[in-house]
Amino acid sequence: MKAITYHRYGPPEVLRVEEVEKPVPKANEVLIKVRAAEATKSDCEMRSFHYAVKWFWLPLRIALGIRRPRQRILGLYFAGVIESVGEEVAGFAAGDEVFGCSALRMGAYGEYVAVPAHYAMVAKPKTMSFAEAAAVPLGGLNALHFLRLAGVGADDRVLINGAGGSIGTHAVQIAKFMGAEVTAVDASFKEAGLRHLGADHFIDYAKDDFSSMPGAYDVIFDMVPGSSYRACMRALAPHGRYVTGNPRLSVMFRSVLTSRFTRRKASFAFARETKAELQTLKEMIDAGHIGSIVDHVYPMTEAADAHRRVEAEQRVGAVVIAIG
């Protein structure tokens, strides 16, 4: 089979398409013919081994390969068609269209990937293309997790910092579905797209400081690794909730202190990416409450360009690679 591979850490140019051995599913696994995979920041960071959040650099280096990558096929989020199922698998059959996560097994950049049946993987929404479905799991699962963690409810004033990426675009839609009043913060060229998704207000981070109105927000969902924790706390209401998806060690420490010694709640628990949560997202999609935003679809031969677009942050929504 063909796969996008990399044999050393480095720039996007290390990615190449080559023939590799087709995986053989174990008894508890399903073999999926991949039709589309999202190109994520995590893929780019694992390829280059440059991380915006530094504290987990060493354990990841040990896990993924000290001198060179152990797993040479990236890809954490996919949509495709089940080719075959292991003898212990129930609930899936050959021919089923699915979408989901391959976790740190990765491999979704290949024409086939073998995934344990208990992983976060469910039937693909019939209203979505494979590219659209592949753009859901990362953004949708993280957005759902953090907004639930913050306890977002009707009439909450929610600020989403970094709203134009894969997670942010889902967070805008889910927060609106939860009944919140949403303020999106990002670059100016993303304003029209974010308002189309339901954002009530927009702040261009290059021109305006969202913390200039103290106590303006009940919930702040912060997806920007280098953002100011002090500024977020200034903008948060006295009983507000702060959640972050890219916590620095200093932010983790200050979050614990904030939750313990003030009336505010600050959290950084990472998304578990469960099958139940993905099923919830599918039901939201089927009901027309949310959809994925695909910025651009690249063929396998242009995987390096896909990574460059993700790293440049000149996108609204997800960048997807069409597989096969």
C-alpha atoms as a PDB file:
ATOM      1  CA  MET A   1       0.000   0.000   0.000  1.00  0.00           C
ATOM      2  CA  LYS A   2       1.017   3.628  -0.338  1.00  0.00           C
ATOM      3  CA  ALA A   3       1.633   5.805   2.709  1.00  0.00           C
ATOM      4  CA  ILE A   4       3.023   9.210   3.587  1.00  0.00           C
ATOM      5  CA  THR A   5       6.127   8.463   5.626  1.00  0.00           C
ATOM      6  CA  TYR A   6       9.008  10.225   7.343  1.00  0.00           C
ATOM      7  CA  HIS A   7      12.287   8.645   8.410  1.00  0.00           C
ATOM      8  CA  ARG A   8      13.802  11.561  10.323  1.00  0.00           C
ATOM      9  CA  TYR A   9      12.606  14.574  12.262  1.00  0.00           C
ATOM     10  CA  GLY A  10      12.648  17.773  10.279  1.00  0.00           C
ATOM     11  CA  PRO A  11      10.767  20.242   8.039  1.00  0.00           C
ATOM     12  CA  PRO A  12       7.753  19.322   5.867  1.00  0.00           C
ATOM     13  CA  GLU A  13      10.124  18.158   3.120  1.00  0.00           C
ATOM     14  CA  VAL A  14      10.921  14.989   5.095  1.00  0.00           C
ATOM     15  CA  LEU A  15       7.456  13.666   4.187  1.00  0.00           C
ATOM     16  CA  ARG A  16       7.298  11.372   1.168  1.00  0.00           C
ATOM     17  CA  VAL A  17       4.941   8.839  -0.399  1.00  0.00           C
ATOM     18  CA  GLU A  18       6.267   5.294  -0.582  1.00  0.00           C
ATOM     19  CA  GLU A  19       5.170   1.668  -0.658  1.00  0.00           C
ATOM     20  CA  VAL A  20       4.905   0.029   2.771  1.00  0.00           C
ATOM     21  CA  GLU A  21       3.537  -3.222   4.112  1.00  0.00           C
ATOM     22  CA  LYS A  22      -0.223  -3.352   4.529  1.00  0.00           C
ATOM     23  CA  PRO A  23      -1.222  -3.844   8.188  1.00  0.00           C
ATOM     24  CA  VAL A  24      -2.851  -7.097   9.281  1.00  0.00           C
ATOM     25  CA  PRO A  25      -5.600  -6.602  11.892  1.00  0.00           C
ATOM     26  CA  LYS A  26      -5.461  -8.528  15.158  1.00  0.00           C
ATOM     27  CA  ALA A  27      -8.466 -10.364  16.572  1.00  0.00           C
ATOM     28  CA  ASN A  28      -9.743  -7.228  18.352  1.00  0.00           C
ATOM     29  CA  GLU A  29      -9.035  -4.812  15.492  1.00  0.00           C
ATOM     30  CA  VAL A  30     -10.658  -3.520  12.338  1.00  0.00           C
ATOM     31  CA  LEU A  31      -8.788  -2.829   9.115  1.00  0.00           C
ATOM     32  CA  ILE A  32      -9.851   0.468   7.564  1.00  0.00           C
ATOM     33  CA  LYS A  33      -9.298   1.642   4.025  1.00  0.00           C
ATOM     34  CA  VAL A  34      -8.567   5.291   4.759  1.00  0.00           C
ATOM     35  CA  ARG A  35     -10.198   7.876   2.522  1.00  0.00           C
ATOM     36  CA  ALA A  36      -9.164  11.055   4.347  1.00  0.00           C
ATOM     37  CA  ALA A  37      -7.003  12.097   7.313  1.00  0.00           C
ATOM     38  CA  GLU A  38      -6.703  15.441   9.062  1.00  0.00           C
ATOM     39  CA  ALA A  39      -3.275  17.094   9.051  1.00  0.00           C
ATOM     40  CA  THR A  40      -2.994  18.425  12.588  1.00  0.00           C
ATOM     41  CA  LYS A  41      -0.642  20.539  14.660  1.00  0.00           C
ATOM     42  CA  SER A  42       0.242  17.352  16.525  1.00  0.00           C
ATOM     43  CA  ASP A  43       1.321  15.715  13.261  1.00  0.00           C
ATOM     44  CA  CYS A  44       3.486  18.726  12.464  1.00  0.00           C
ATOM     45  CA  GLU A  45       5.002  18.788  15.941  1.00  0.00           C
ATOM     46  CA  MET A  46       5.790  15.071  15.882  1.00  0.00           C
ATOM     47  CA  ARG A  47       7.324  15.433  12.407  1.00  0.00           C
ATOM     48  CA  SER A  48       9.559  18.345  13.410  1.00  0.00           C
ATOM     49  CA  PHE A  49       9.777  17.627  17.156  1.00  0.00           C
ATOM     50  CA  HIS A  50       9.256  21.308  17.866  1.00  0.00           C
ATOM     51  CA  TYR A  51       6.500  21.745  20.455  1.00  0.00           C
ATOM     52  CA  ALA A  52       4.750  24.957  21.451  1.00  0.00           C
ATOM     53  CA  VAL A  53       4.348  23.489  24.939  1.00  0.00           C
ATOM     54  CA  LYS A  54       7.807  22.340  26.058  1.00  0.00           C
ATOM     55  CA  TRP A  55       7.249  20.388  29.257  1.00  0.00           C
ATOM     56  CA  PHE A  56       6.348  17.046  27.630  1.00  0.00           C
ATOM     57  CA  TRP A  57       9.210  17.139  25.083  1.00  0.00           C
ATOM     58  CA  LEU A  58      11.401  14.550  26.850  1.00  0.00           C
ATOM     59  CA  PRO A  59       8.752  11.872  27.616  1.00  0.00           C
ATOM     60  CA  LEU A  60       7.424  12.151  24.056  1.00  0.00           C
ATOM     61  CA  ARG A  61      10.917  11.863  22.608  1.00  0.00           C
ATOM     62  CA  ILE A  62      11.459   8.675  24.579  1.00  0.00           C
ATOM     63  CA  ALA A  63       8.043   7.298  23.560  1.00  0.00           C
ATOM     64  CA  LEU A  64       8.180   8.216  19.865  1.00  0.00           C
ATOM     65  CA  GLY A  65      11.865   7.684  19.122  1.00  0.00           C
ATOM     66  CA  ILE A  66      14.995   9.383  20.407  1.00  0.00           C
ATOM     67  CA  ARG A  67      17.106   9.531  17.232  1.00  0.00           C
ATOM     68  CA  ARG A  68      14.430   8.875  14.622  1.00  0.00           C
ATOM     69  CA  PRO A  69      10.664   8.168  14.628  1.00  0.00           C
ATOM     70  CA  ARG A  70       9.636   4.628  15.540  1.00  0.00           C
ATOM     71  CA  GLN A  71       6.264   5.001  13.837  1.00  0.00           C
ATOM     72  CA  ARG A  72       6.983   6.305  10.355  1.00  0.00           C
ATOM     73  CA  ILE A  73       3.371   6.932   9.327  1.00  0.00           C
ATOM     74  CA  LEU A  74       1.658   9.897  10.971  1.00  0.00           C
ATOM     75  CA  GLY A  75      -2.090  10.507  11.108  1.00  0.00           C
ATOM     76  CA  LEU A  76      -4.294  10.485  14.214  1.00  0.00           C
ATOM     77  CA  TYR A  77      -7.768  11.231  12.800  1.00  0.00           C
ATOM     78  CA  PHE A  78      -9.385   9.556   9.818  1.00  0.00           C
ATOM     79  CA  ALA A  79     -12.491   8.658   7.857  1.00  0.00           C
ATOM     80  CA  GLY A  80     -12.765   5.580   5.690  1.00  0.00           C
ATOM     81  CA  VAL A  81     -14.390   2.227   4.963  1.00  0.00           C
ATOM     82  CA  ILE A  82     -13.894  -0.952   6.987  1.00  0.00           C
ATOM     83  CA  GLU A  83     -12.095  -3.546   4.875  1.00  0.00           C
ATOM     84  CA  SER A  84     -12.219  -6.420   7.377  1.00  0.00           C
ATOM     85  CA  VAL A  85     -12.759  -7.116  11.083  1.00  0.00           C
ATOM     86  CA  GLY A  86     -10.986  -9.363  13.560  1.00  0.00           C
ATOM     87  CA  GLU A  87     -12.710 -12.469  14.920  1.00  0.00           C
ATOM     88  CA  GLU A  88     -13.362 -10.868  18.320  1.00  0.00           C
ATOM     89  CA  VAL A  89     -14.917  -7.677  16.918  1.00  0.00           C
ATOM     90  CA  ALA A  90     -18.635  -6.978  17.314  1.00  0.00           C
ATOM     91  CA  GLY A  91     -20.587  -3.979  16.119  1.00  0.00           C
ATOM     92  CA  PHE A  92     -18.602  -3.379  12.935  1.00  0.00           C
ATOM     93  CA  ALA A  93     -18.649  -5.125   9.566  1.00  0.00           C
ATOM     94  CA  ALA A  94     -16.803  -4.911   6.277  1.00  0.00           C
ATOM     95  CA  GLY A  95     -18.202  -2.066   4.173  1.00  0.00           C
ATOM     96  CA  ASP A  96     -19.131   0.183   7.120  1.00  0.00           C
ATOM     97  CA  GLU A  97     -18.190   3.832   6.645  1.00  0.00           C
ATOM     98  CA  VAL A  98     -16.543   5.118   9.835  1.00  0.00           C
ATOM     99  CA  PHE A  99     -14.595   8.028  11.276  1.00  0.00           C
ATOM    100  CA  GLY A 100     -12.494   8.285  14.386  1.00  0.00           C
ATOM    101  CA  CYS A 101      -9.090   8.286  16.065  1.00  0.00           C
ATOM    102  CA  SER A 102      -6.063   6.017  15.828  1.00  0.00           C
ATOM    103  CA  ALA A 103      -4.511   7.587  18.971  1.00  0.00           C
ATOM    104  CA  LEU A 104      -0.736   7.277  19.315  1.00  0.00           C
ATOM    105  CA  ARG A 105      -0.763   4.233  17.046  1.00  0.00           C
ATOM    106  CA  MET A 106      -1.122   6.841  14.292  1.00  0.00           C
ATOM    107  CA  GLY A 107      -0.962   5.395  10.740  1.00  0.00           C
ATOM    108  CA  ALA A 108      -3.907   7.288   9.207  1.00  0.00           C
ATOM    109  CA  TYR A 109      -1.604   8.765   6.531  1.00  0.00           C
ATOM    110  CA  GLY A 110      -1.564   5.314   4.931  1.00  0.00           C
ATOM    111  CA  GLU A 111      -4.074   3.712   2.572  1.00  0.00           C
ATOM    112  CA  TYR A 112      -4.918   1.217   5.335  1.00  0.00           C
ATOM    113  CA  VAL A 113      -4.805   1.432   9.120  1.00  0.00           C
ATOM    114  CA  ALA A 114      -5.590  -1.219  11.748  1.00  0.00           C
ATOM    115  CA  VAL A 115      -7.393   0.162  14.817  1.00  0.00           C
ATOM    116  CA  PRO A 116      -8.696  -1.610  17.960  1.00  0.00           C
ATOM    117  CA  ALA A 117     -12.501  -1.745  17.813  1.00  0.00           C
ATOM    118  CA  HIS A 118     -12.847  -0.063  21.240  1.00  0.00           C
ATOM    119  CA  TYR A 119     -11.087   3.112  20.079  1.00  0.00           C
ATOM    120  CA  ALA A 120     -13.100   6.296  19.457  1.00  0.00           C
ATOM    121  CA  MET A 121     -14.624   5.246  16.135  1.00  0.00           C
ATOM    122  CA  VAL A 122     -18.269   5.309  15.024  1.00  0.00           C
ATOM    123  CA  ALA A 123     -20.359   5.343  11.866  1.00  0.00           C
ATOM    124  CA  LYS A 124     -19.628   8.281   9.568  1.00  0.00           C
ATOM    125  CA  PRO A 125     -22.426  10.867   9.316  1.00  0.00           C
ATOM    126  CA  LYS A 126     -24.254  10.243   6.054  1.00  0.00           C
ATOM    127  CA  THR A 127     -24.468  13.963   5.328  1.00  0.00           C
ATOM    128  CA  MET A 128     -20.684  14.366   5.329  1.00  0.00           C
ATOM    129  CA  SER A 129     -18.004  13.587   2.787  1.00  0.00           C
ATOM    130  CA  PHE A 130     -14.992  11.599   3.988  1.00  0.00           C
ATOM    131  CA  ALA A 131     -12.919  14.794   4.098  1.00  0.00           C
ATOM    132  CA  GLU A 132     -15.538  16.568   6.208  1.00  0.00           C
ATOM    133  CA  ALA A 133     -15.830  13.591   8.566  1.00  0.00           C
ATOM    134  CA  ALA A 134     -12.048  13.330   9.010  1.00  0.00           C
ATOM    135  CA  ALA A 135     -12.059  16.964  10.145  1.00  0.00           C
ATOM    136  CA  VAL A 136     -14.411  16.246  13.079  1.00  0.00           C
ATOM    137  CA  PRO A 137     -12.695  14.033  15.708  1.00  0.00           C
ATOM    138  CA  LEU A 138      -9.791  16.268  16.753  1.00  0.00           C
ATOM    139  CA  GLY A 139     -11.682  19.545  16.881  1.00  0.00           C
ATOM    140  CA  GLY A 140     -15.018  18.151  17.949  1.00  0.00           C
ATOM    141  CA  LEU A 141     -13.821  15.870  20.731  1.00  0.00           C
ATOM    142  CA  ASN A 142     -11.544  18.494  22.261  1.00  0.00           C
ATOM    143  CA  ALA A 143     -14.131  21.261  22.002  1.00  0.00           C
ATOM    144  CA  LEU A 144     -16.850  19.090  23.540  1.00  0.00           C
ATOM    145  CA  HIS A 145     -14.533  17.960  26.327  1.00  0.00           C
ATOM    146  CA  PHE A 146     -13.397  21.428  27.365  1.00  0.00           C
ATOM    147  CA  LEU A 147     -16.795  23.102  27.106  1.00  0.00           C
ATOM    148  CA  ARG A 148     -18.296  20.343  29.242  1.00  0.00           C
ATOM    149  CA  LEU A 149     -15.381  20.687  31.664  1.00  0.00           C
ATOM    150  CA  ALA A 150     -16.209  24.386  31.958  1.00  0.00           C
ATOM    151  CA  GLY A 151     -19.887  23.611  32.499  1.00  0.00           C
ATOM    152  CA  VAL A 152     -21.035  25.924  29.703  1.00  0.00           C
ATOM    153  CA  GLY A 153     -24.758  26.620  29.888  1.00  0.00           C
ATOM    154  CA  ALA A 154     -27.463  28.894  28.556  1.00  0.00           C
ATOM    155  CA  ASP A 155     -26.605  32.600  28.553  1.00  0.00           C
ATOM    156  CA  ASP A 156     -22.985  32.069  29.589  1.00  0.00           C
ATOM    157  CA  ARG A 157     -20.646  34.620  28.044  1.00  0.00           C
ATOM    158  CA  VAL A 158     -17.952  32.449  26.448  1.00  0.00           C
ATOM    159  CA  LEU A 159     -14.690  33.692  24.962  1.00  0.00           C
ATOM    160  CA  ILE A 160     -12.752  31.327  22.678  1.00  0.00           C
ATOM    161  CA  ASN A 161      -9.141  32.416  22.232  1.00  0.00           C
ATOM    162  CA  GLY A 162      -7.759  30.905  19.025  1.00  0.00           C
ATOM    163  CA  ALA A 163     -11.189  30.270  17.523  1.00  0.00           C
ATOM    164  CA  GLY A 164     -10.131  29.789  13.907  1.00  0.00           C
ATOM    165  CA  GLY A 165      -8.445  26.382  14.125  1.00  0.00           C
ATOM    166  CA  SER A 166      -9.897  22.891  14.049  1.00  0.00           C
ATOM    167  CA  ILE A 167     -10.784  22.895  17.762  1.00  0.00           C
ATOM    168  CA  GLY A 168     -11.911  26.515  17.841  1.00  0.00           C
ATOM    169  CA  THR A 169     -14.349  26.253  14.951  1.00  0.00           C
ATOM    170  CA  HIS A 170     -16.039  23.306  16.637  1.00  0.00           C
ATOM    171  CA  ALA A 171     -16.033  25.110  19.988  1.00  0.00           C
ATOM    172  CA  VAL A 172     -17.886  28.085  18.509  1.00  0.00           C
ATOM    173  CA  GLN A 173     -20.643  25.825  17.178  1.00  0.00           C
ATOM    174  CA  ILE A 174     -20.931  23.635  20.288  1.00  0.00           C
ATOM    175  CA  ALA A 175     -20.975  26.623  22.641  1.00  0.00           C
ATOM    176  CA  LYS A 176     -23.779  28.168  20.579  1.00  0.00           C
ATOM    177  CA  PHE A 177     -25.672  24.863  20.705  1.00  0.00           C
ATOM    178  CA  MET A 178     -25.271  24.956  24.498  1.00  0.00           C
ATOM    179  CA  GLY A 179     -26.951  28.354  24.534  1.00  0.00           C
ATOM    180  CA  ALA A 180     -23.913  30.563  25.149  1.00  0.00           C
ATOM    181  CA  GLU A 181     -23.103  34.036  23.863  1.00  0.00           C
ATOM    182  CA  VAL A 182     -19.814  33.497  22.023  1.00  0.00           C
ATOM    183  CA  THR A 183     -16.902  35.859  21.454  1.00  0.00           C
ATOM    184  CA  ALA A 184     -14.236  34.570  19.037  1.00  0.00           C
ATOM    185  CA  VAL A 185     -10.633  35.810  19.162  1.00  0.00           C
ATOM    186  CA  ASP A 186      -8.318  35.300  16.188  1.00  0.00           C
ATOM    187  CA  ALA A 187      -6.792  36.995  13.131  1.00  0.00           C
ATOM    188  CA  SER A 188      -8.976  39.465  11.238  1.00  0.00           C
ATOM    189  CA  PHE A 189      -9.228  37.400   8.053  1.00  0.00           C
ATOM    190  CA  LYS A 190     -11.060  34.691  10.002  1.00  0.00           C
ATOM    191  CA  GLU A 191     -13.854  36.949  11.198  1.00  0.00           C
ATOM    192  CA  ALA A 192     -16.384  36.259   8.424  1.00  0.00           C
ATOM    193  CA  GLY A 193     -16.013  32.504   8.736  1.00  0.00           C
ATOM    194  CA  LEU A 194     -16.350  32.528  12.511  1.00  0.00           C
ATOM    195  CA  ARG A 195     -19.406  34.766  12.441  1.00  0.00           C
ATOM    196  CA  HIS A 196     -20.922  32.383   9.884  1.00  0.00           C
ATOM    197  CA  LEU A 197     -20.429  29.554  12.399  1.00  0.00           C
ATOM    198  CA  GLY A 198     -22.380  31.521  14.998  1.00  0.00           C
ATOM    199  CA  ALA A 199     -19.909  33.766  16.837  1.00  0.00           C
ATOM    200  CA  ASP A 200     -21.825  36.727  18.288  1.00  0.00           C
ATOM    201  CA  HIS A 201     -18.738  38.903  18.651  1.00  0.00           C
ATOM    202  CA  PHE A 202     -15.242  38.923  17.154  1.00  0.00           C
ATOM    203  CA  ILE A 203     -11.970  40.340  18.474  1.00  0.00           C
ATOM    204  CA  ASP A 204      -8.928  40.796  16.246  1.00  0.00           C
ATOM    205  CA  TYR A 205      -6.077  39.900  18.593  1.00  0.00           C
ATOM    206  CA  ALA A 206      -3.649  42.074  16.613  1.00  0.00           C
ATOM    207  CA  LYS A 207      -5.712  45.222  17.242  1.00  0.00           C
ATOM    208  CA  ASP A 208      -7.656  44.715  20.451  1.00  0.00           C
ATOM    209  CA  ASP A 209      -6.995  43.237  23.888  1.00  0.00           C
ATOM    210  CA  PHE A 210      -9.830  40.983  25.033  1.00  0.00           C
ATOM    211  CA  SER A 211      -8.806  41.589  28.648  1.00  0.00           C
ATOM    212  CA  SER A 212      -9.549  45.311  28.372  1.00  0.00           C
ATOM    213  CA  MET A 213     -13.020  44.636  29.819  1.00  0.00           C
ATOM    214  CA  PRO A 214     -12.407  43.118  33.275  1.00  0.00           C
ATOM    215  CA  GLY A 215     -14.796  40.363  34.296  1.00  0.00           C
ATOM    216  CA  ALA A 216     -16.552  40.299  30.920  1.00  0.00           C
ATOM    217  CA  TYR A 217     -16.680  36.517  30.433  1.00  0.00           C
ATOM    218  CA  ASP A 218     -18.132  33.628  32.391  1.00  0.00           C
ATOM    219  CA  VAL A 219     -15.983  31.092  30.510  1.00  0.00           C
ATOM    220  CA  ILE A 220     -12.652  31.472  28.708  1.00  0.00           C
ATOM    221  CA  PHE A 221     -11.525  28.590  26.502  1.00  0.00           C
ATOM    222  CA  ASP A 222      -7.879  29.295  25.708  1.00  0.00           C
ATOM    223  CA  MET A 223      -6.223  27.442  22.807  1.00  0.00           C
ATOM    224  CA  VAL A 224      -3.248  29.799  22.383  1.00  0.00           C
ATOM    225  CA  PRO A 225      -0.057  28.354  23.974  1.00  0.00           C
ATOM    226  CA  GLY A 226       1.638  31.718  24.519  1.00  0.00           C
ATOM    227  CA  SER A 227      -1.341  33.645  25.851  1.00  0.00           C
ATOM    228  CA  SER A 228      -1.152  35.632  29.075  1.00  0.00           C
ATOM    229  CA  TYR A 229      -2.689  33.829  32.041  1.00  0.00           C
ATOM    230  CA  ARG A 230      -2.904  37.146  33.878  1.00  0.00           C
ATOM    231  CA  ALA A 231      -4.875  38.683  30.991  1.00  0.00           C
ATOM    232  CA  CYS A 232      -7.271  35.731  30.937  1.00  0.00           C
ATOM    233  CA  MET A 233      -7.890  36.030  34.656  1.00  0.00           C
ATOM    234  CA  ARG A 234      -8.494  39.764  34.293  1.00  0.00           C
ATOM    235  CA  ALA A 235     -11.165  39.126  31.651  1.00  0.00           C
ATOM    236  CA  LEU A 236     -12.821  36.341  33.665  1.00  0.00           C
ATOM    237  CA  ALA A 237     -15.832  37.017  35.862  1.00  0.00           C
ATOM    238  CA  PRO A 238     -15.381  36.558  39.647  1.00  0.00           C
ATOM    239  CA  HIS A 239     -17.065  33.135  39.529  1.00  0.00           C
ATOM    240  CA  GLY A 240     -15.824  32.362  36.000  1.00  0.00           C
ATOM    241  CA  ARG A 241     -14.309  29.183  34.589  1.00  0.00           C
ATOM    242  CA  TYR A 242     -11.062  29.024  32.621  1.00  0.00           C
ATOM    243  CA  VAL A 243     -10.033  25.988  30.542  1.00  0.00           C
ATOM    244  CA  THR A 244      -6.921  25.577  28.424  1.00  0.00           C
ATOM    245  CA  GLY A 245      -5.964  22.991  25.841  1.00  0.00           C
ATOM    246  CA  ASN A 246      -2.260  23.940  25.617  1.00  0.00           C
ATOM    247  CA  PRO A 247      -1.076  24.428  29.197  1.00  0.00           C
ATOM    248  CA  ARG A 248       2.463  25.488  30.031  1.00  0.00           C
ATOM    249  CA  LEU A 249       3.830  24.202  33.334  1.00  0.00           C
ATOM    250  CA  SER A 250       3.465  27.682  34.821  1.00  0.00           C
ATOM    251  CA  VAL A 251      -0.175  27.824  33.727  1.00  0.00           C
ATOM    252  CA  MET A 252      -0.860  24.393  35.210  1.00  0.00           C
ATOM    253  CA  PHE A 253       0.598  25.491  38.538  1.00  0.00           C
ATOM    254  CA  ARG A 254      -1.273  28.812  38.543  1.00  0.00           C
ATOM    255  CA  SER A 255      -4.509  27.040  37.590  1.00  0.00           C
ATOM    256  CA  VAL A 256      -4.280  24.874  40.698  1.00  0.00           C
ATOM    257  CA  LEU A 257      -3.720  27.958  42.854  1.00  0.00           C
ATOM    258  CA  THR A 258      -6.565  29.839  41.177  1.00  0.00           C
ATOM    259  CA  SER A 259      -9.035  27.007  41.784  1.00  0.00           C
ATOM    260  CA  ARG A 260      -7.951  26.540  45.390  1.00  0.00           C
ATOM    261  CA  PHE A 261      -7.670  30.111  46.605  1.00  0.00           C
ATOM    262  CA  THR A 262     -10.168  32.116  44.524  1.00  0.00           C
ATOM    263  CA  ARG A 263     -13.800  31.859  43.478  1.00  0.00           C
ATOM    264  CA  ARG A 264     -12.719  31.108  39.910  1.00  0.00           C
ATOM    265  CA  LYS A 265     -12.222  27.613  38.480  1.00  0.00           C
ATOM    266  CA  ALA A 266      -9.239  26.887  36.214  1.00  0.00           C
ATOM    267  CA  SER A 267      -8.815  23.484  34.514  1.00  0.00           C
ATOM    268  CA  PHE A 268      -6.454  21.828  32.027  1.00  0.00           C
ATOM    269  CA  ALA A 269      -7.489  18.147  31.953  1.00  0.00           C
ATOM    270  CA  PHE A 270      -6.802  16.653  28.514  1.00  0.00           C
ATOM    271  CA  ALA A 271      -9.548  15.177  26.341  1.00  0.00           C
ATOM    272  CA  ARG A 272      -9.939  11.396  26.608  1.00  0.00           C
ATOM    273  CA  GLU A 273     -11.392  11.006  23.085  1.00  0.00           C
ATOM    274  CA  THR A 274     -14.010   8.342  23.825  1.00  0.00           C
ATOM    275  CA  LYS A 275     -16.413   6.471  21.596  1.00  0.00           C
ATOM    276  CA  ALA A 276     -19.369   7.870  23.562  1.00  0.00           C
ATOM    277  CA  GLU A 277     -18.234  11.458  22.992  1.00  0.00           C
ATOM    278  CA  LEU A 278     -17.703  10.848  19.280  1.00  0.00           C
ATOM    279  CA  GLN A 279     -21.200   9.352  19.069  1.00  0.00           C
ATOM    280  CA  THR A 280     -22.529  12.521  20.719  1.00  0.00           C
ATOM    281  CA  LEU A 281     -20.814  14.595  18.033  1.00  0.00           C
ATOM    282  CA  LYS A 282     -22.287  12.383  15.305  1.00  0.00           C
ATOM    283  CA  GLU A 283     -25.761  12.940  16.741  1.00  0.00           C
ATOM    284  CA  MET A 284     -25.165  16.708  16.796  1.00  0.00           C
ATOM    285  CA  ILE A 285     -24.080  16.533  13.144  1.00  0.00           C
ATOM    286  CA  ASP A 286     -27.045  14.390  12.135  1.00  0.00           C
ATOM    287  CA  ALA A 287     -29.381  16.891  13.821  1.00  0.00           C
ATOM    288  CA  GLY A 288     -27.749  19.788  11.970  1.00  0.00           C
ATOM    289  CA  HIS A 289     -26.390  21.501  15.083  1.00  0.00           C
ATOM    290  CA  ILE A 290     -22.714  21.403  14.075  1.00  0.00           C
ATOM    291  CA  GLY A 291     -20.584  20.697  11.027  1.00  0.00           C
ATOM    292  CA  SER A 292     -16.887  20.495  10.234  1.00  0.00           C
ATOM    293  CA  ILE A 293     -15.035  23.288   8.471  1.00  0.00           C
ATOM    294  CA  VAL A 294     -12.517  22.067   5.904  1.00  0.00           C
ATOM    295  CA  ASP A 295     -10.048  24.761   4.932  1.00  0.00           C
ATOM    296  CA  HIS A 296      -8.283  22.799   2.191  1.00  0.00           C
ATOM    297  CA  VAL A 297      -7.897  19.226   0.921  1.00  0.00           C
ATOM    298  CA  TYR A 298      -4.505  18.068  -0.391  1.00  0.00           C
ATOM    299  CA  PRO A 299      -3.565  14.875  -2.240  1.00  0.00           C
ATOM    300  CA  MET A 300      -1.015  12.534  -0.647  1.00  0.00           C
ATOM    301  CA  THR A 301       1.737  13.853  -2.920  1.00  0.00           C
ATOM    302  CA  GLU A 302       1.252  17.340  -1.432  1.00  0.00           C
ATOM    303  CA  ALA A 303       1.401  16.332   2.227  1.00  0.00           C
ATOM    304  CA  ALA A 304       4.306  18.726   2.792  1.00  0.00           C
ATOM    305  CA  ASP A 305       2.123  21.610   1.572  1.00  0.00           C
ATOM    306  CA  ALA A 306      -0.631  20.493   3.955  1.00  0.00           C
ATOM    307  CA  HIS A 307       1.806  20.678   6.877  1.00  0.00           C
ATOM    308  CA  ARG A 308       3.052  24.091   5.769  1.00  0.00           C
ATOM    309  CA  ARG A 309      -0.508  25.412   5.750  1.00  0.00           C
ATOM    310  CA  VAL A 310      -1.174  24.068   9.233  1.00  0.00           C
ATOM    311  CA  GLU A 311       2.035  25.588  10.574  1.00  0.00           C
ATOM    312  CA  ALA A 312       1.444  28.960   8.894  1.00  0.00           C
ATOM    313  CA  GLU A 313      -1.904  29.386  10.732  1.00  0.00           C
ATOM    314  CA  GLN A 314      -3.404  30.877   7.569  1.00  0.00           C
ATOM    315  CA  ARG A 315      -6.499  28.699   7.727  1.00  0.00           C
ATOM    316  CA  VAL A 316     -10.009  28.589   9.055  1.00  0.00           C
ATOM    317  CA  GLY A 317     -10.845  25.072  10.210  1.00  0.00           C
ATOM    318  CA  ALA A 318      -9.094  21.831   9.328  1.00  0.00           C
ATOM    319  CA  VAL A 319      -6.562  20.858   6.684  1.00  0.00           C
ATOM    320  CA  VAL A 320      -7.257  17.394   5.266  1.00  0.00           C
ATOM    321  CA  ILE A 321      -5.225  14.939   3.198  1.00  0.00           C
ATOM    322  CA  ALA A 322      -7.150  12.782   0.707  1.00  0.00           C
ATOM    323  CA  ILE A 323      -5.748   9.264   1.008  1.00  0.00           C
ATOM    324  CA  GLY A 324      -5.575   6.870  -1.926  1.00  0.00           C
END
